[in-house]
Amino acid sequence: MRKSILKSLKPDIIVEMLDMAVAFENWNKVMERADMLYQCVQSIHEERQEYQSKGVPAPHIHIERPLVYYYGFSHLMRGWLTKRWDR
């Protein structure tokens, strides 16, 4: 996914999309959204690191939870889905 698109998405919205994909049992979408969430959070983290290395305060991004939550949730969903398919 392109970085410009990732910057326009909020992790909280992707989490909601993930929850909806699980509710509809659309397992391909669950995997896609988990990857999208990880890429989005990684993009935010990298941008923050760039600002920090320059000594400039990073612009505030309103998210409901810390970034580590979104990293963990994306890995959890991928792991859960992988385990589900291994049965």
PDB file of N, CA and C in Angstrom:
ATOM      1  N   MET A   1       0.838  -1.174   0.000  1.00  0.00           N
ATOM      2  CA  MET A   1       0.000   0.000   0.000  1.00  0.00           C
ATOM      3  C   MET A   1       0.883   1.237   0.000  1.00  0.00           C
ATOM      4  N   ARG A   2       0.479   2.243  -0.741  1.00  0.00           N
ATOM      5  CA  ARG A   2       1.279   3.465  -0.831  1.00  0.00           C
ATOM      6  C   ARG A   2       1.243   4.241   0.480  1.00  0.00           C
ATOM      7  N   LYS A   3       2.375   4.903   0.782  1.00  0.00           N
ATOM      8  CA  LYS A   3       2.464   5.648   2.030  1.00  0.00           C
ATOM      9  C   LYS A   3       1.435   6.771   2.105  1.00  0.00           C
ATOM     10  N   SER A   4       1.142   7.412   0.971  1.00  0.00           N
ATOM     11  CA  SER A   4       0.175   8.513   0.996  1.00  0.00           C
ATOM     12  C   SER A   4      -1.200   8.026   1.453  1.00  0.00           C
ATOM     13  N   ILE A   5      -1.577   6.821   1.039  1.00  0.00           N
ATOM     14  CA  ILE A   5      -2.858   6.258   1.475  1.00  0.00           C
ATOM     15  C   ILE A   5      -2.786   5.884   2.942  1.00  0.00           C
ATOM     16  N   LEU A   6      -1.663   5.301   3.353  1.00  0.00           N
ATOM     17  CA  LEU A   6      -1.511   4.905   4.754  1.00  0.00           C
ATOM     18  C   LEU A   6      -1.604   6.102   5.683  1.00  0.00           C
ATOM     19  N   LYS A   7      -1.082   7.243   5.252  1.00  0.00           N
ATOM     20  CA  LYS A   7      -1.129   8.430   6.113  1.00  0.00           C
ATOM     21  C   LYS A   7      -2.547   8.949   6.287  1.00  0.00           C
ATOM     22  N   SER A   8      -3.407   8.697   5.307  1.00  0.00           N
ATOM     23  CA  SER A   8      -4.777   9.195   5.419  1.00  0.00           C
ATOM     24  C   SER A   8      -5.649   8.278   6.282  1.00  0.00           C
ATOM     25  N   LEU A   9      -5.227   7.032   6.456  1.00  0.00           N
ATOM     26  CA  LEU A   9      -5.990   6.104   7.282  1.00  0.00           C
ATOM     27  C   LEU A   9      -5.571   6.202   8.738  1.00  0.00           C
ATOM     28  N   LYS A  10      -6.490   6.031   9.607  1.00  0.00           N
ATOM     29  CA  LYS A  10      -6.207   6.013  11.036  1.00  0.00           C
ATOM     30  C   LYS A  10      -6.234   4.569  11.517  1.00  0.00           C
ATOM     31  N   PRO A  11      -5.310   4.201  12.405  1.00  0.00           N
ATOM     32  CA  PRO A  11      -5.292   2.825  12.905  1.00  0.00           C
ATOM     33  C   PRO A  11      -6.619   2.386  13.515  1.00  0.00           C
ATOM     34  N   ASP A  12      -7.318   3.294  14.170  1.00  0.00           N
ATOM     35  CA  ASP A  12      -8.592   2.936  14.800  1.00  0.00           C
ATOM     36  C   ASP A  12      -9.633   2.512  13.761  1.00  0.00           C
ATOM     37  N   ILE A  13      -9.622   3.157  12.608  1.00  0.00           N
ATOM     38  CA  ILE A  13     -10.558   2.798  11.538  1.00  0.00           C
ATOM     39  C   ILE A  13     -10.215   1.421  10.983  1.00  0.00           C
ATOM     40  N   ILE A  14      -8.917   1.147  10.837  1.00  0.00           N
ATOM     41  CA  ILE A  14      -8.500  -0.161  10.321  1.00  0.00           C
ATOM     42  C   ILE A  14      -8.876  -1.263  11.310  1.00  0.00           C
ATOM     43  N   VAL A  15      -8.780  -0.991  12.607  1.00  0.00           N
ATOM     44  CA  VAL A  15      -9.187  -1.968  13.620  1.00  0.00           C
ATOM     45  C   VAL A  15     -10.688  -2.270  13.465  1.00  0.00           C
ATOM     46  N   GLU A  16     -11.478  -1.235  13.239  1.00  0.00           N
ATOM     47  CA  GLU A  16     -12.916  -1.452  13.013  1.00  0.00           C
ATOM     48  C   GLU A  16     -13.159  -2.281  11.761  1.00  0.00           C
ATOM     49  N   MET A  17     -12.399  -2.009  10.701  1.00  0.00           N
ATOM     50  CA  MET A  17     -12.527  -2.785   9.468  1.00  0.00           C
ATOM     51  C   MET A  17     -12.144  -4.243   9.721  1.00  0.00           C
ATOM     52  N   LEU A  18     -11.124  -4.458  10.522  1.00  0.00           N
ATOM     53  CA  LEU A  18     -10.701  -5.814  10.886  1.00  0.00           C
ATOM     54  C   LEU A  18     -11.816  -6.528  11.638  1.00  0.00           C
ATOM     55  N   ASP A  19     -12.399  -5.846  12.609  1.00  0.00           N
ATOM     56  CA  ASP A  19     -13.496  -6.438  13.381  1.00  0.00           C
ATOM     57  C   ASP A  19     -14.672  -6.814  12.482  1.00  0.00           C
ATOM     58  N   MET A  20     -14.972  -5.966  11.509  1.00  0.00           N
ATOM     59  CA  MET A  20     -16.079  -6.254  10.589  1.00  0.00           C
ATOM     60  C   MET A  20     -15.749  -7.457   9.714  1.00  0.00           C
ATOM     61  N   ALA A  21     -14.503  -7.556   9.257  1.00  0.00           N
ATOM     62  CA  ALA A  21     -14.105  -8.698   8.431  1.00  0.00           C
ATOM     63  C   ALA A  21     -14.221  -9.996   9.223  1.00  0.00           C
ATOM     64  N   VAL A  22     -13.874  -9.958  10.512  1.00  0.00           N
ATOM     65  CA  VAL A  22     -14.017 -11.141  11.363  1.00  0.00           C
ATOM     66  C   VAL A  22     -15.498 -11.472  11.533  1.00  0.00           C
ATOM     67  N   ALA A  23     -16.317 -10.458  11.771  1.00  0.00           N
ATOM     68  CA  ALA A  23     -17.748 -10.682  11.968  1.00  0.00           C
ATOM     69  C   ALA A  23     -18.384 -11.328  10.736  1.00  0.00           C
ATOM     70  N   PHE A  24     -17.923 -10.930   9.557  1.00  0.00           N
ATOM     71  CA  PHE A  24     -18.458 -11.499   8.314  1.00  0.00           C
ATOM     72  C   PHE A  24     -17.711 -12.760   7.879  1.00  0.00           C
ATOM     73  N   GLU A  25     -16.751 -13.181   8.688  1.00  0.00           N
ATOM     74  CA  GLU A  25     -15.944 -14.370   8.415  1.00  0.00           C
ATOM     75  C   GLU A  25     -15.287 -14.314   7.035  1.00  0.00           C
ATOM     76  N   ASN A  26     -14.834 -13.118   6.677  1.00  0.00           N
ATOM     77  CA  ASN A  26     -14.127 -12.919   5.415  1.00  0.00           C
ATOM     78  C   ASN A  26     -12.628 -12.982   5.731  1.00  0.00           C
ATOM     79  N   TRP A  27     -12.087 -14.184   5.733  1.00  0.00           N
ATOM     80  CA  TRP A  27     -10.736 -14.415   6.238  1.00  0.00           C
ATOM     81  C   TRP A  27      -9.660 -13.775   5.373  1.00  0.00           C
ATOM     82  N   ASN A  28      -9.904 -13.676   4.069  1.00  0.00           N
ATOM     83  CA  ASN A  28      -8.929 -12.983   3.219  1.00  0.00           C
ATOM     84  C   ASN A  28      -8.842 -11.508   3.590  1.00  0.00           C
ATOM     85  N   LYS A  29      -9.987 -10.902   3.857  1.00  0.00           N
ATOM     86  CA  LYS A  29     -10.011  -9.489   4.267  1.00  0.00           C
ATOM     87  C   LYS A  29      -9.365  -9.311   5.638  1.00  0.00           C
ATOM     88  N   VAL A  30      -9.545 -10.275   6.526  1.00  0.00           N
ATOM     89  CA  VAL A  30      -8.904 -10.187   7.843  1.00  0.00           C
ATOM     90  C   VAL A  30      -7.394 -10.108   7.665  1.00  0.00           C
ATOM     91  N   MET A  31      -6.848 -10.972   6.827  1.00  0.00           N
ATOM     92  CA  MET A  31      -5.410 -10.980   6.605  1.00  0.00           C
ATOM     93  C   MET A  31      -4.955  -9.673   5.951  1.00  0.00           C
ATOM     94  N   GLU A  32      -5.714  -9.198   4.963  1.00  0.00           N
ATOM     95  CA  GLU A  32      -5.378  -7.934   4.294  1.00  0.00           C
ATOM     96  C   GLU A  32      -5.412  -6.768   5.271  1.00  0.00           C
ATOM     97  N   ARG A  33      -6.444  -6.717   6.093  1.00  0.00           N
ATOM     98  CA  ARG A  33      -6.577  -5.599   7.033  1.00  0.00           C
ATOM     99  C   ARG A  33      -5.517  -5.659   8.134  1.00  0.00           C
ATOM    100  N   ALA A  34      -5.153  -6.857   8.569  1.00  0.00           N
ATOM    101  CA  ALA A  34      -4.090  -6.992   9.564  1.00  0.00           C
ATOM    102  C   ALA A  34      -2.774  -6.480   8.987  1.00  0.00           C
ATOM    103  N   ASP A  35      -2.504  -6.811   7.728  1.00  0.00           N
ATOM    104  CA  ASP A  35      -1.304  -6.297   7.064  1.00  0.00           C
ATOM    105  C   ASP A  35      -1.375  -4.780   6.914  1.00  0.00           C
ATOM    106  N   MET A  36      -2.552  -4.286   6.543  1.00  0.00           N
ATOM    107  CA  MET A  36      -2.736  -2.846   6.379  1.00  0.00           C
ATOM    108  C   MET A  36      -2.507  -2.118   7.700  1.00  0.00           C
ATOM    109  N   LEU A  37      -3.022  -2.676   8.783  1.00  0.00           N
ATOM    110  CA  LEU A  37      -2.839  -2.069  10.104  1.00  0.00           C
ATOM    111  C   LEU A  37      -1.358  -2.006  10.456  1.00  0.00           C
ATOM    112  N   TYR A  38      -0.653  -3.105  10.234  1.00  0.00           N
ATOM    113  CA  TYR A  38       0.777  -3.133  10.544  1.00  0.00           C
ATOM    114  C   TYR A  38       1.532  -2.089   9.719  1.00  0.00           C
ATOM    115  N   GLN A  39       1.246  -2.016   8.426  1.00  0.00           N
ATOM    116  CA  GLN A  39       1.929  -1.057   7.560  1.00  0.00           C
ATOM    117  C   GLN A  39       1.614   0.378   7.969  1.00  0.00           C
ATOM    118  N   CYS A  40       0.384   0.640   8.345  1.00  0.00           N
ATOM    119  CA  CYS A  40      -0.022   1.975   8.769  1.00  0.00           C
ATOM    120  C   CYS A  40       0.733   2.396  10.020  1.00  0.00           C
ATOM    121  N   VAL A  41       0.768   1.509  11.003  1.00  0.00           N
ATOM    122  CA  VAL A  41       1.435   1.814  12.268  1.00  0.00           C
ATOM    123  C   VAL A  41       2.947   1.951  12.052  1.00  0.00           C
ATOM    124  N   GLN A  42       3.491   1.106  11.195  1.00  0.00           N
ATOM    125  CA  GLN A  42       4.922   1.188  10.884  1.00  0.00           C
ATOM    126  C   GLN A  42       5.243   2.528  10.230  1.00  0.00           C
ATOM    127  N   SER A  43       4.378   2.978   9.350  1.00  0.00           N
ATOM    128  CA  SER A  43       4.561   4.267   8.690  1.00  0.00           C
ATOM    129  C   SER A  43       4.545   5.411   9.707  1.00  0.00           C
ATOM    130  N   ILE A  44       3.604   5.372  10.642  1.00  0.00           N
ATOM    131  CA  ILE A  44       3.519   6.399  11.688  1.00  0.00           C
ATOM    132  C   ILE A  44       4.789   6.381  12.532  1.00  0.00           C
ATOM    133  N   HIS A  45       5.226   5.193  12.912  1.00  0.00           N
ATOM    134  CA  HIS A  45       6.423   5.056  13.741  1.00  0.00           C
ATOM    135  C   HIS A  45       7.660   5.597  13.017  1.00  0.00           C
ATOM    136  N   GLU A  46       7.820   5.233  11.748  1.00  0.00           N
ATOM    137  CA  GLU A  46       8.974   5.705  10.985  1.00  0.00           C
ATOM    138  C   GLU A  46       8.969   7.218  10.850  1.00  0.00           C
ATOM    139  N   GLU A  47       7.779   7.782  10.629  1.00  0.00           N
ATOM    140  CA  GLU A  47       7.674   9.240  10.513  1.00  0.00           C
ATOM    141  C   GLU A  47       8.060   9.915  11.831  1.00  0.00           C
ATOM    142  N   ARG A  48       7.615   9.356  12.934  1.00  0.00           N
ATOM    143  CA  ARG A  48       7.976   9.906  14.244  1.00  0.00           C
ATOM    144  C   ARG A  48       9.491   9.821  14.473  1.00  0.00           C
ATOM    145  N   GLN A  49      10.089   8.715  14.035  1.00  0.00           N
ATOM    146  CA  GLN A  49      11.537   8.544  14.192  1.00  0.00           C
ATOM    147  C   GLN A  49      12.293   9.586  13.371  1.00  0.00           C
ATOM    148  N   GLU A  50      11.816   9.870  12.171  1.00  0.00           N
ATOM    149  CA  GLU A  50      12.454  10.882  11.325  1.00  0.00           C
ATOM    150  C   GLU A  50      12.416  12.256  11.993  1.00  0.00           C
ATOM    151  N   TYR A  51      11.263  12.628  12.505  1.00  0.00           N
ATOM    152  CA  TYR A  51      11.143  13.912  13.191  1.00  0.00           C
ATOM    153  C   TYR A  51      12.063  13.961  14.410  1.00  0.00           C
ATOM    154  N   GLN A  52      12.090  12.882  15.167  1.00  0.00           N
ATOM    155  CA  GLN A  52      12.915  12.829  16.374  1.00  0.00           C
ATOM    156  C   GLN A  52      14.397  12.959  16.026  1.00  0.00           C
ATOM    157  N   SER A  53      14.826  12.312  14.942  1.00  0.00           N
ATOM    158  CA  SER A  53      16.239  12.390  14.562  1.00  0.00           C
ATOM    159  C   SER A  53      16.632  13.799  14.133  1.00  0.00           C
ATOM    160  N   LYS A  54      15.666  14.572  13.638  1.00  0.00           N
ATOM    161  CA  LYS A  54      15.921  15.951  13.240  1.00  0.00           C
ATOM    162  C   LYS A  54      15.768  16.921  14.407  1.00  0.00           C
ATOM    163  N   GLY A  55      15.283  16.411  15.534  1.00  0.00           N
ATOM    164  CA  GLY A  55      15.080  17.266  16.698  1.00  0.00           C
ATOM    165  C   GLY A  55      13.864  18.156  16.586  1.00  0.00           C
ATOM    166  N   VAL A  56      12.932  17.775  15.748  1.00  0.00           N
ATOM    167  CA  VAL A  56      11.709  18.547  15.514  1.00  0.00           C
ATOM    168  C   VAL A  56      10.539  17.771  16.106  1.00  0.00           C
ATOM    169  N   PRO A  57       9.625  18.448  16.780  1.00  0.00           N
ATOM    170  CA  PRO A  57       8.466  17.720  17.313  1.00  0.00           C
ATOM    171  C   PRO A  57       7.590  17.174  16.181  1.00  0.00           C
ATOM    172  N   ALA A  58       7.178  15.939  16.333  1.00  0.00           N
ATOM    173  CA  ALA A  58       6.333  15.288  15.330  1.00  0.00           C
ATOM    174  C   ALA A  58       4.912  15.825  15.431  1.00  0.00           C
ATOM    175  N   PRO A  59       4.228  15.936  14.296  1.00  0.00           N
ATOM    176  CA  PRO A  59       2.825  16.375  14.353  1.00  0.00           C
ATOM    177  C   PRO A  59       1.988  15.349  15.112  1.00  0.00           C
ATOM    178  N   HIS A  60       1.021  15.840  15.831  1.00  0.00           N
ATOM    179  CA  HIS A  60       0.175  14.961  16.641  1.00  0.00           C
ATOM    180  C   HIS A  60      -0.818  14.215  15.755  1.00  0.00           C
ATOM    181  N   ILE A  61      -0.890  12.911  15.958  1.00  0.00           N
ATOM    182  CA  ILE A  61      -1.881  12.081  15.273  1.00  0.00           C
ATOM    183  C   ILE A  61      -2.802  11.549  16.356  1.00  0.00           C
ATOM    184  N   HIS A  62      -4.084  11.860  16.238  1.00  0.00           N
ATOM    185  CA  HIS A  62      -5.032  11.414  17.261  1.00  0.00           C
ATOM    186  C   HIS A  62      -5.352   9.936  17.056  1.00  0.00           C
ATOM    187  N   ILE A  63      -4.891   9.119  17.995  1.00  0.00           N
ATOM    188  CA  ILE A  63      -5.227   7.703  18.008  1.00  0.00           C
ATOM    189  C   ILE A  63      -5.689   7.360  19.418  1.00  0.00           C
ATOM    190  N   GLU A  64      -6.578   6.387  19.507  1.00  0.00           N
ATOM    191  CA  GLU A  64      -7.186   6.053  20.789  1.00  0.00           C
ATOM    192  C   GLU A  64      -6.253   5.291  21.717  1.00  0.00           C
ATOM    193  N   ARG A  65      -5.286   4.581  21.140  1.00  0.00           N
ATOM    194  CA  ARG A  65      -4.407   3.727  21.948  1.00  0.00           C
ATOM    195  C   ARG A  65      -2.955   3.956  21.554  1.00  0.00           C
ATOM    196  N   PRO A  66      -2.015   3.469  22.362  1.00  0.00           N
ATOM    197  CA  PRO A  66      -0.598   3.585  21.993  1.00  0.00           C
ATOM    198  C   PRO A  66      -0.287   2.740  20.755  1.00  0.00           C
ATOM    199  N   LEU A  67       0.756   3.115  20.024  1.00  0.00           N
ATOM    200  CA  LEU A  67       1.120   2.386  18.807  1.00  0.00           C
ATOM    201  C   LEU A  67       1.357   0.904  19.061  1.00  0.00           C
ATOM    202  N   VAL A  68       1.920   0.574  20.217  1.00  0.00           N
ATOM    203  CA  VAL A  68       2.224  -0.826  20.507  1.00  0.00           C
ATOM    204  C   VAL A  68       0.957  -1.681  20.488  1.00  0.00           C
ATOM    205  N   TYR A  69      -0.177  -1.117  20.863  1.00  0.00           N
ATOM    206  CA  TYR A  69      -1.446  -1.846  20.807  1.00  0.00           C
ATOM    207  C   TYR A  69      -1.746  -2.280  19.370  1.00  0.00           C
ATOM    208  N   TYR A  70      -1.588  -1.356  18.439  1.00  0.00           N
ATOM    209  CA  TYR A  70      -1.903  -1.649  17.046  1.00  0.00           C
ATOM    210  C   TYR A  70      -0.918  -2.662  16.454  1.00  0.00           C
ATOM    211  N   TYR A  71       0.356  -2.552  16.813  1.00  0.00           N
ATOM    212  CA  TYR A  71       1.330  -3.559  16.384  1.00  0.00           C
ATOM    213  C   TYR A  71       0.892  -4.937  16.887  1.00  0.00           C
ATOM    214  N   GLY A  72       0.594  -4.999  18.173  1.00  0.00           N
ATOM    215  CA  GLY A  72       0.208  -6.267  18.781  1.00  0.00           C
ATOM    216  C   GLY A  72      -1.072  -6.820  18.194  1.00  0.00           C
ATOM    217  N   PHE A  73      -2.056  -5.956  17.974  1.00  0.00           N
ATOM    218  CA  PHE A  73      -3.339  -6.406  17.429  1.00  0.00           C
ATOM    219  C   PHE A  73      -3.167  -6.950  16.018  1.00  0.00           C
ATOM    220  N   SER A  74      -2.338  -6.296  15.207  1.00  0.00           N
ATOM    221  CA  SER A  74      -2.125  -6.786  13.839  1.00  0.00           C
ATOM    222  C   SER A  74      -1.462  -8.160  13.868  1.00  0.00           C
ATOM    223  N   HIS A  75      -0.486  -8.348  14.742  1.00  0.00           N
ATOM    224  CA  HIS A  75       0.168  -9.655  14.856  1.00  0.00           C
ATOM    225  C   HIS A  75      -0.788 -10.708  15.436  1.00  0.00           C
ATOM    226  N   LEU A  76      -1.589 -10.308  16.401  1.00  0.00           N
ATOM    227  CA  LEU A  76      -2.558 -11.223  17.000  1.00  0.00           C
ATOM    228  C   LEU A  76      -3.535 -11.743  15.954  1.00  0.00           C
ATOM    229  N   MET A  77      -4.062 -10.847  15.141  1.00  0.00           N
ATOM    230  CA  MET A  77      -5.035 -11.248  14.128  1.00  0.00           C
ATOM    231  C   MET A  77      -4.404 -12.167  13.088  1.00  0.00           C
ATOM    232  N   ARG A  78      -3.191 -11.863  12.669  1.00  0.00           N
ATOM    233  CA  ARG A  78      -2.505 -12.728  11.697  1.00  0.00           C
ATOM    234  C   ARG A  78      -2.230 -14.095  12.322  1.00  0.00           C
ATOM    235  N   GLY A  79      -1.775 -14.104  13.567  1.00  0.00           N
ATOM    236  CA  GLY A  79      -1.482 -15.370  14.239  1.00  0.00           C
ATOM    237  C   GLY A  79      -2.731 -16.193  14.465  1.00  0.00           C
ATOM    238  N   TRP A  80      -3.803 -15.532  14.880  1.00  0.00           N
ATOM    239  CA  TRP A  80      -5.068 -16.227  15.110  1.00  0.00           C
ATOM    240  C   TRP A  80      -5.580 -16.837  13.806  1.00  0.00           C
ATOM    241  N   LEU A  81      -5.483 -16.075  12.740  1.00  0.00           N
ATOM    242  CA  LEU A  81      -5.980 -16.558  11.457  1.00  0.00           C
ATOM    243  C   LEU A  81      -5.107 -17.700  10.940  1.00  0.00           C
ATOM    244  N   THR A  82      -3.809 -17.599  11.103  1.00  0.00           N
ATOM    245  CA  THR A  82      -2.910 -18.653  10.661  1.00  0.00           C
ATOM    246  C   THR A  82      -3.197 -19.936  11.425  1.00  0.00           C
ATOM    247  N   LYS A  83      -3.392 -19.824  12.728  1.00  0.00           N
ATOM    248  CA  LYS A  83      -3.708 -20.998  13.546  1.00  0.00           C
ATOM    249  C   LYS A  83      -5.049 -21.596  13.114  1.00  0.00           C
ATOM    250  N   ARG A  84      -5.996 -20.740  12.808  1.00  0.00           N
ATOM    251  CA  ARG A  84      -7.326 -21.195  12.378  1.00  0.00           C
ATOM    252  C   ARG A  84      -7.235 -21.993  11.076  1.00  0.00           C
ATOM    253  N   TRP A  85      -6.392 -21.533  10.140  1.00  0.00           N
ATOM    254  CA  TRP A  85      -6.238 -22.222   8.859  1.00  0.00           C
ATOM    255  C   TRP A  85      -5.460 -23.518   8.989  1.00  0.00           C
ATOM    256  N   ASP A  86      -4.629 -23.642  10.035  1.00  0.00           N
ATOM    257  CA  ASP A  86      -3.809 -24.840  10.218  1.00  0.00           C
ATOM    258  C   ASP A  86      -4.611 -26.033  10.733  1.00  0.00           C
ATOM    259  N   ARG A  87      -5.825 -25.830  11.145  1.00  0.00           N
ATOM    260  CA  ARG A  87      -6.635 -26.925  11.698  1.00  0.00           C
ATOM    261  C   ARG A  87      -6.958 -27.959  10.661  1.00  0.00           C
TER     262      ARG A  87
END
